[in-house]
């Protein structure tokens, strides 16, 4: 068995496509009937379709799931977020943990939590460079 995709329910497909493409570089692979499959295995589904499938109302922003991304250049990503035309709501601002890895947590337009951490390859390289000084 193999996990193929992660589906998140969204209120506005076009806004979510722009968000994930513009900030995270995900491209659209295919679109059909209120569904959009993006690269990296992320699927967006229109809330109306999801609600009709499960016959329940959606509760957005319940903080019960997180999408995790890694980035090699956190300075670049921080600048990209600062220039994003829509307001970004942060769960946790940019910070650095004890072993030197930078991270940030934010919400997408529908309240799905996203964590972006610096790649451990970058952290390891930086720590090696510091130890050689």
N, C-alpha and C. Protein backbone atom coordinates (compact mmCIF):
# COMPACT_ATOMS: atom_id res chain seq x y z
N UNK A 1 0.84 -1.18 0.00
CA UNK A 1 0.00 0.00 0.00
C UNK A 1 0.88 1.23 0.00
N UNK A 2 0.39 2.29 -0.63
CA UNK A 2 1.17 3.51 -0.77
C UNK A 2 0.24 4.72 -0.65
N UNK A 3 0.58 5.66 0.21
CA UNK A 3 -0.18 6.89 0.31
C UNK A 3 0.08 7.72 -0.94
N UNK A 4 -0.98 8.11 -1.62
CA UNK A 4 -0.84 8.83 -2.88
C UNK A 4 -1.02 10.33 -2.74
N UNK A 5 -1.98 10.77 -1.94
CA UNK A 5 -2.28 12.18 -1.87
C UNK A 5 -2.78 12.55 -0.48
N UNK A 6 -2.75 13.85 -0.21
CA UNK A 6 -3.37 14.44 0.98
C UNK A 6 -4.38 15.44 0.46
N UNK A 7 -5.66 15.27 0.83
CA UNK A 7 -6.72 16.14 0.36
C UNK A 7 -7.10 17.11 1.47
N UNK A 8 -7.18 18.39 1.11
CA UNK A 8 -7.70 19.38 2.04
C UNK A 8 -8.90 20.07 1.39
N UNK A 9 -9.86 20.40 2.21
CA UNK A 9 -11.08 21.04 1.74
C UNK A 9 -10.88 22.56 1.80
N UNK A 10 -11.29 23.23 0.73
CA UNK A 10 -11.09 24.68 0.64
C UNK A 10 -12.37 25.39 0.22
N UNK A 11 -12.48 26.64 0.61
CA UNK A 11 -13.66 27.45 0.27
C UNK A 11 -13.56 28.02 -1.14
N UNK A 12 -12.35 28.35 -1.58
CA UNK A 12 -12.14 29.03 -2.86
C UNK A 12 -10.95 28.38 -3.56
N UNK A 13 -11.24 27.53 -4.51
CA UNK A 13 -10.20 26.77 -5.22
C UNK A 13 -9.17 27.70 -5.86
N UNK A 14 -9.61 28.75 -6.52
CA UNK A 14 -8.69 29.64 -7.22
C UNK A 14 -7.74 30.33 -6.24
N UNK A 15 -8.27 30.79 -5.13
CA UNK A 15 -7.43 31.45 -4.12
C UNK A 15 -6.42 30.46 -3.54
N UNK A 16 -6.86 29.24 -3.27
CA UNK A 16 -5.95 28.23 -2.72
C UNK A 16 -4.89 27.82 -3.72
N UNK A 17 -5.27 27.69 -5.01
CA UNK A 17 -4.27 27.38 -6.04
C UNK A 17 -3.20 28.46 -6.08
N UNK A 18 -3.62 29.72 -6.05
CA UNK A 18 -2.67 30.84 -6.09
C UNK A 18 -1.77 30.82 -4.86
N UNK A 19 -2.32 30.53 -3.70
CA UNK A 19 -1.55 30.48 -2.45
C UNK A 19 -0.48 29.39 -2.51
N UNK A 20 -0.86 28.18 -2.85
CA UNK A 20 0.11 27.07 -2.86
C UNK A 20 1.08 27.16 -4.03
N UNK A 21 0.66 27.73 -5.10
CA UNK A 21 1.60 27.93 -6.23
C UNK A 21 2.57 29.06 -5.92
N UNK A 22 2.03 30.19 -5.47
CA UNK A 22 2.85 31.38 -5.25
C UNK A 22 3.83 31.25 -4.10
N UNK A 23 3.41 30.64 -2.99
CA UNK A 23 4.30 30.56 -1.82
C UNK A 23 5.10 29.28 -1.75
N UNK A 24 4.56 28.18 -2.27
CA UNK A 24 5.22 26.89 -2.10
C UNK A 24 5.67 26.25 -3.41
N UNK A 25 5.39 26.90 -4.53
CA UNK A 25 5.87 26.41 -5.82
C UNK A 25 5.17 25.16 -6.32
N UNK A 26 3.98 24.85 -5.79
CA UNK A 26 3.26 23.66 -6.26
C UNK A 26 2.53 24.00 -7.56
N UNK A 27 2.59 23.10 -8.49
CA UNK A 27 1.95 23.29 -9.79
C UNK A 27 0.71 22.42 -9.90
N UNK A 28 -0.22 22.84 -10.73
CA UNK A 28 -1.44 22.07 -10.98
C UNK A 28 -1.11 20.94 -11.94
N UNK A 29 -1.45 19.72 -11.53
CA UNK A 29 -1.30 18.56 -12.41
C UNK A 29 -2.58 18.32 -13.20
N UNK A 30 -3.71 18.43 -12.50
CA UNK A 30 -5.00 18.25 -13.17
C UNK A 30 -6.11 18.91 -12.35
N UNK A 31 -7.18 19.26 -13.04
CA UNK A 31 -8.37 19.84 -12.40
C UNK A 31 -9.60 19.15 -12.95
N UNK A 32 -10.54 18.85 -12.08
CA UNK A 32 -11.80 18.27 -12.52
C UNK A 32 -12.85 18.42 -11.43
N UNK A 33 -14.03 18.85 -11.81
CA UNK A 33 -15.22 18.88 -10.95
C UNK A 33 -14.96 19.33 -9.51
N UNK A 34 -14.34 20.50 -9.34
CA UNK A 34 -14.11 21.01 -7.99
C UNK A 34 -12.94 20.39 -7.26
N UNK A 35 -12.08 19.70 -7.98
CA UNK A 35 -10.88 19.08 -7.41
C UNK A 35 -9.67 19.57 -8.19
N UNK A 36 -8.59 19.80 -7.48
CA UNK A 36 -7.33 20.19 -8.11
C UNK A 36 -6.23 19.34 -7.50
N UNK A 37 -5.50 18.64 -8.35
CA UNK A 37 -4.36 17.86 -7.88
C UNK A 37 -3.11 18.67 -8.17
N UNK A 38 -2.35 18.94 -7.11
CA UNK A 38 -1.11 19.70 -7.21
C UNK A 38 0.08 18.77 -7.11
N UNK A 39 1.24 19.25 -7.51
CA UNK A 39 2.47 18.49 -7.32
C UNK A 39 2.69 18.27 -5.82
N UNK A 40 3.53 17.34 -5.49
CA UNK A 40 3.87 16.96 -4.12
C UNK A 40 2.71 16.24 -3.41
N UNK A 41 1.66 15.87 -4.17
CA UNK A 41 0.60 15.05 -3.61
C UNK A 41 -0.49 15.79 -2.86
N UNK A 42 -0.58 17.10 -3.02
CA UNK A 42 -1.63 17.86 -2.35
C UNK A 42 -2.84 18.00 -3.28
N UNK A 43 -4.01 17.68 -2.75
CA UNK A 43 -5.26 17.80 -3.50
C UNK A 43 -6.14 18.82 -2.79
N UNK A 44 -6.72 19.73 -3.56
CA UNK A 44 -7.67 20.70 -3.06
C UNK A 44 -9.05 20.26 -3.52
N UNK A 45 -10.02 20.30 -2.60
CA UNK A 45 -11.39 19.98 -3.00
C UNK A 45 -12.33 21.07 -2.50
N UNK A 46 -13.24 21.47 -3.36
CA UNK A 46 -14.23 22.49 -3.02
C UNK A 46 -15.08 22.01 -1.84
N UNK A 47 -15.31 22.90 -0.89
CA UNK A 47 -16.04 22.56 0.33
C UNK A 47 -17.45 22.04 0.04
N UNK A 48 -18.11 22.58 -0.97
CA UNK A 48 -19.47 22.12 -1.28
C UNK A 48 -19.49 20.65 -1.70
N UNK A 49 -18.49 20.24 -2.44
CA UNK A 49 -18.41 18.84 -2.87
C UNK A 49 -18.17 17.94 -1.66
N UNK A 50 -17.22 18.34 -0.81
CA UNK A 50 -16.90 17.54 0.37
C UNK A 50 -18.10 17.41 1.29
N UNK A 51 -18.78 18.52 1.53
CA UNK A 51 -19.96 18.49 2.41
C UNK A 51 -21.04 17.57 1.86
N UNK A 52 -21.23 17.58 0.54
CA UNK A 52 -22.25 16.69 -0.04
C UNK A 52 -21.82 15.22 0.03
N UNK A 53 -20.51 14.97 -0.01
CA UNK A 53 -20.01 13.58 0.09
C UNK A 53 -20.21 13.01 1.49
N UNK A 54 -19.94 13.83 2.50
CA UNK A 54 -20.00 13.31 3.87
C UNK A 54 -21.30 13.70 4.59
N UNK A 55 -22.11 14.55 3.94
CA UNK A 55 -23.38 14.99 4.51
C UNK A 55 -23.21 15.64 5.88
N UNK A 56 -22.15 16.44 6.00
CA UNK A 56 -21.86 17.19 7.23
C UNK A 56 -21.31 18.56 6.85
N UNK A 57 -21.42 19.48 7.78
CA UNK A 57 -20.87 20.83 7.59
C UNK A 57 -19.39 20.82 7.96
N UNK A 58 -18.59 21.54 7.19
CA UNK A 58 -17.14 21.63 7.41
C UNK A 58 -16.85 22.63 8.51
N UNK A 59 -15.92 22.31 9.37
CA UNK A 59 -15.40 23.26 10.36
C UNK A 59 -13.96 23.57 9.98
N UNK A 60 -13.73 24.77 9.47
CA UNK A 60 -12.38 25.17 9.09
C UNK A 60 -11.61 25.67 10.30
N UNK A 61 -10.29 25.53 10.26
CA UNK A 61 -9.42 26.08 11.29
C UNK A 61 -9.48 25.36 12.63
N UNK A 62 -9.62 24.04 12.61
CA UNK A 62 -9.72 23.30 13.86
C UNK A 62 -8.36 22.85 14.40
N UNK A 63 -7.28 23.18 13.71
CA UNK A 63 -5.91 22.88 14.17
C UNK A 63 -5.67 21.39 14.42
N UNK A 64 -6.29 20.55 13.62
CA UNK A 64 -6.11 19.12 13.83
C UNK A 64 -5.29 18.44 12.74
N UNK A 65 -4.70 19.23 11.86
CA UNK A 65 -3.82 18.69 10.83
C UNK A 65 -2.80 19.76 10.47
N UNK A 66 -1.65 19.33 10.00
CA UNK A 66 -0.60 20.27 9.59
C UNK A 66 0.06 19.77 8.33
N UNK A 67 0.27 20.66 7.38
CA UNK A 67 1.06 20.35 6.20
C UNK A 67 2.49 20.77 6.51
N UNK A 68 3.45 19.92 6.18
CA UNK A 68 4.86 20.16 6.52
C UNK A 68 5.68 20.32 5.25
N UNK A 69 6.42 21.42 5.19
CA UNK A 69 7.30 21.70 4.06
C UNK A 69 8.72 21.93 4.60
N UNK A 70 9.71 21.67 3.76
CA UNK A 70 11.10 22.02 4.07
C UNK A 70 11.59 22.99 3.02
N UNK A 71 12.41 23.93 3.47
CA UNK A 71 12.95 24.97 2.60
C UNK A 71 14.43 25.13 2.88
N UNK A 72 15.24 25.25 1.84
CA UNK A 72 16.68 25.45 2.02
C UNK A 72 17.04 26.89 2.33
N UNK A 73 16.24 27.85 1.88
CA UNK A 73 16.56 29.26 2.07
C UNK A 73 15.43 29.96 2.83
N UNK A 74 15.51 29.93 4.15
CA UNK A 74 14.45 30.50 4.99
C UNK A 74 14.41 32.02 4.89
N UNK A 75 15.54 32.68 4.64
CA UNK A 75 15.53 34.14 4.46
C UNK A 75 14.68 34.49 3.24
N UNK A 76 14.86 33.75 2.16
CA UNK A 76 14.09 33.94 0.94
C UNK A 76 12.61 33.73 1.21
N UNK A 77 12.27 32.65 1.94
CA UNK A 77 10.87 32.35 2.21
C UNK A 77 10.24 33.42 3.12
N UNK A 78 10.99 33.91 4.09
CA UNK A 78 10.48 34.96 4.96
C UNK A 78 10.17 36.22 4.15
N UNK A 79 11.03 36.56 3.23
CA UNK A 79 10.81 37.72 2.37
C UNK A 79 9.59 37.49 1.46
N UNK A 80 9.46 36.28 0.95
CA UNK A 80 8.32 35.94 0.09
C UNK A 80 7.00 36.11 0.85
N UNK A 81 6.97 35.65 2.09
CA UNK A 81 5.77 35.83 2.92
C UNK A 81 5.49 37.30 3.17
N UNK A 82 6.53 38.08 3.43
CA UNK A 82 6.36 39.51 3.69
C UNK A 82 5.78 40.24 2.47
N UNK A 83 6.09 39.75 1.28
CA UNK A 83 5.62 40.40 0.05
C UNK A 83 4.29 39.84 -0.45
N UNK A 84 3.77 38.80 0.19
CA UNK A 84 2.52 38.19 -0.27
C UNK A 84 1.40 39.23 -0.17
N UNK A 85 0.57 39.38 -1.21
CA UNK A 85 -0.42 40.45 -1.23
C UNK A 85 -1.56 40.31 -0.21
N UNK A 86 -1.86 39.11 0.23
CA UNK A 86 -2.92 38.90 1.22
C UNK A 86 -2.29 38.77 2.61
N UNK A 87 -3.04 39.12 3.65
CA UNK A 87 -2.49 38.97 5.01
C UNK A 87 -2.20 37.50 5.33
N UNK A 88 -1.09 37.27 5.98
CA UNK A 88 -0.71 35.93 6.44
C UNK A 88 -0.95 35.89 7.95
N UNK A 89 -1.65 34.86 8.40
CA UNK A 89 -1.86 34.67 9.84
C UNK A 89 -0.85 33.64 10.33
N UNK A 90 -0.03 34.04 11.28
CA UNK A 90 1.00 33.16 11.81
C UNK A 90 0.51 32.44 13.06
N UNK A 91 0.80 31.15 13.14
CA UNK A 91 0.59 30.38 14.35
C UNK A 91 1.78 30.64 15.27
N UNK A 92 2.94 30.68 14.65
CA UNK A 92 4.20 30.90 15.35
C UNK A 92 5.13 31.65 14.40
N UNK A 93 5.70 32.77 14.82
CA UNK A 93 6.57 33.52 13.91
C UNK A 93 7.88 32.75 13.64
N UNK A 94 8.67 33.28 12.74
CA UNK A 94 9.97 32.67 12.46
C UNK A 94 10.77 32.58 13.75
N UNK A 95 11.34 31.42 13.99
CA UNK A 95 12.15 31.19 15.19
C UNK A 95 13.22 30.16 14.86
N UNK A 96 14.05 29.90 15.83
CA UNK A 96 15.13 28.92 15.66
C UNK A 96 15.15 28.03 16.89
N UNK A 97 15.18 26.71 16.67
CA UNK A 97 15.21 25.80 17.81
C UNK A 97 16.65 25.61 18.31
N UNK A 98 16.80 24.81 19.35
CA UNK A 98 18.09 24.64 20.01
C UNK A 98 19.21 24.11 19.13
N UNK A 99 18.89 23.32 18.12
CA UNK A 99 19.94 22.78 17.25
C UNK A 99 20.15 23.62 16.01
N UNK A 100 19.51 24.81 15.97
CA UNK A 100 19.79 25.77 14.90
C UNK A 100 18.87 25.72 13.70
N UNK A 101 17.83 24.91 13.74
CA UNK A 101 16.91 24.81 12.61
C UNK A 101 15.85 25.92 12.71
N UNK A 102 15.71 26.69 11.64
CA UNK A 102 14.70 27.75 11.59
C UNK A 102 13.36 27.18 11.17
N UNK A 103 12.27 27.76 11.70
CA UNK A 103 10.94 27.29 11.36
C UNK A 103 9.92 28.39 11.52
N UNK A 104 8.76 28.17 10.92
CA UNK A 104 7.63 29.08 11.02
C UNK A 104 6.36 28.23 10.86
N UNK A 105 5.31 28.64 11.53
CA UNK A 105 4.00 28.02 11.35
C UNK A 105 3.00 29.12 10.99
N UNK A 106 2.16 28.82 9.98
CA UNK A 106 1.17 29.78 9.51
C UNK A 106 -0.08 29.04 9.06
N UNK A 107 -1.12 29.81 8.78
CA UNK A 107 -2.36 29.25 8.25
C UNK A 107 -2.51 29.58 6.78
N UNK A 108 -3.09 28.63 6.03
CA UNK A 108 -3.45 28.93 4.65
C UNK A 108 -4.77 29.71 4.67
N UNK A 109 -5.32 30.11 3.52
CA UNK A 109 -6.54 30.92 3.52
C UNK A 109 -7.75 30.27 4.19
N UNK A 110 -7.75 28.95 4.34
CA UNK A 110 -8.87 28.25 4.95
C UNK A 110 -8.58 27.79 6.38
N UNK A 111 -7.47 28.22 6.93
CA UNK A 111 -7.16 27.87 8.32
C UNK A 111 -6.45 26.55 8.50
N UNK A 112 -5.93 25.96 7.42
CA UNK A 112 -5.12 24.75 7.55
C UNK A 112 -3.73 25.18 8.02
N UNK A 113 -3.22 24.51 9.03
CA UNK A 113 -1.90 24.86 9.57
C UNK A 113 -0.80 24.34 8.66
N UNK A 114 0.22 25.17 8.47
CA UNK A 114 1.38 24.82 7.66
C UNK A 114 2.63 25.08 8.49
N UNK A 115 3.53 24.12 8.48
CA UNK A 115 4.83 24.32 9.12
C UNK A 115 5.89 24.27 8.03
N UNK A 116 6.80 25.23 8.08
CA UNK A 116 7.93 25.25 7.15
C UNK A 116 9.18 25.26 8.01
N UNK A 117 10.02 24.26 7.80
CA UNK A 117 11.29 24.16 8.52
C UNK A 117 12.43 24.20 7.53
N UNK A 118 13.52 24.71 8.02
CA UNK A 118 14.76 24.71 7.25
C UNK A 118 15.23 23.26 7.10
N UNK A 119 15.70 22.94 5.93
CA UNK A 119 16.23 21.61 5.69
C UNK A 119 17.38 21.30 6.64
N UNK A 120 17.38 20.10 7.20
CA UNK A 120 18.47 19.70 8.10
C UNK A 120 19.81 19.63 7.37
N UNK A 121 19.80 19.45 6.08
CA UNK A 121 21.04 19.49 5.30
C UNK A 121 21.69 20.86 5.42
N UNK A 122 20.87 21.91 5.34
CA UNK A 122 21.38 23.28 5.47
C UNK A 122 21.89 23.52 6.89
N UNK A 123 21.13 23.07 7.88
CA UNK A 123 21.52 23.25 9.28
C UNK A 123 22.85 22.54 9.55
N UNK A 124 22.98 21.31 9.08
CA UNK A 124 24.21 20.54 9.28
C UNK A 124 25.40 21.22 8.63
N UNK A 125 25.21 21.70 7.41
CA UNK A 125 26.29 22.39 6.68
C UNK A 125 26.70 23.66 7.43
N UNK A 126 25.73 24.41 7.93
CA UNK A 126 26.02 25.64 8.68
C UNK A 126 26.78 25.32 9.96
N UNK A 127 26.37 24.25 10.65
CA UNK A 127 27.06 23.85 11.89
C UNK A 127 28.49 23.39 11.62
N UNK A 128 28.69 22.69 10.51
CA UNK A 128 30.06 22.28 10.15
C UNK A 128 30.91 23.49 9.82
N UNK A 129 30.34 24.44 9.05
CA UNK A 129 31.08 25.66 8.70
C UNK A 129 31.49 26.44 9.95
N UNK A 130 30.61 26.50 10.95
CA UNK A 130 30.91 27.22 12.19
C UNK A 130 32.01 26.51 13.00
N UNK A 131 32.00 25.18 12.96
CA UNK A 131 33.00 24.45 13.75
C UNK A 131 34.41 24.54 13.15
N UNK A 132 34.48 24.87 11.87
CA UNK A 132 35.77 24.99 11.21
C UNK A 132 36.42 26.34 11.40
N UNK A 133 35.67 27.29 11.96
CA UNK A 133 36.20 28.65 12.16
C UNK A 133 37.02 28.73 13.41
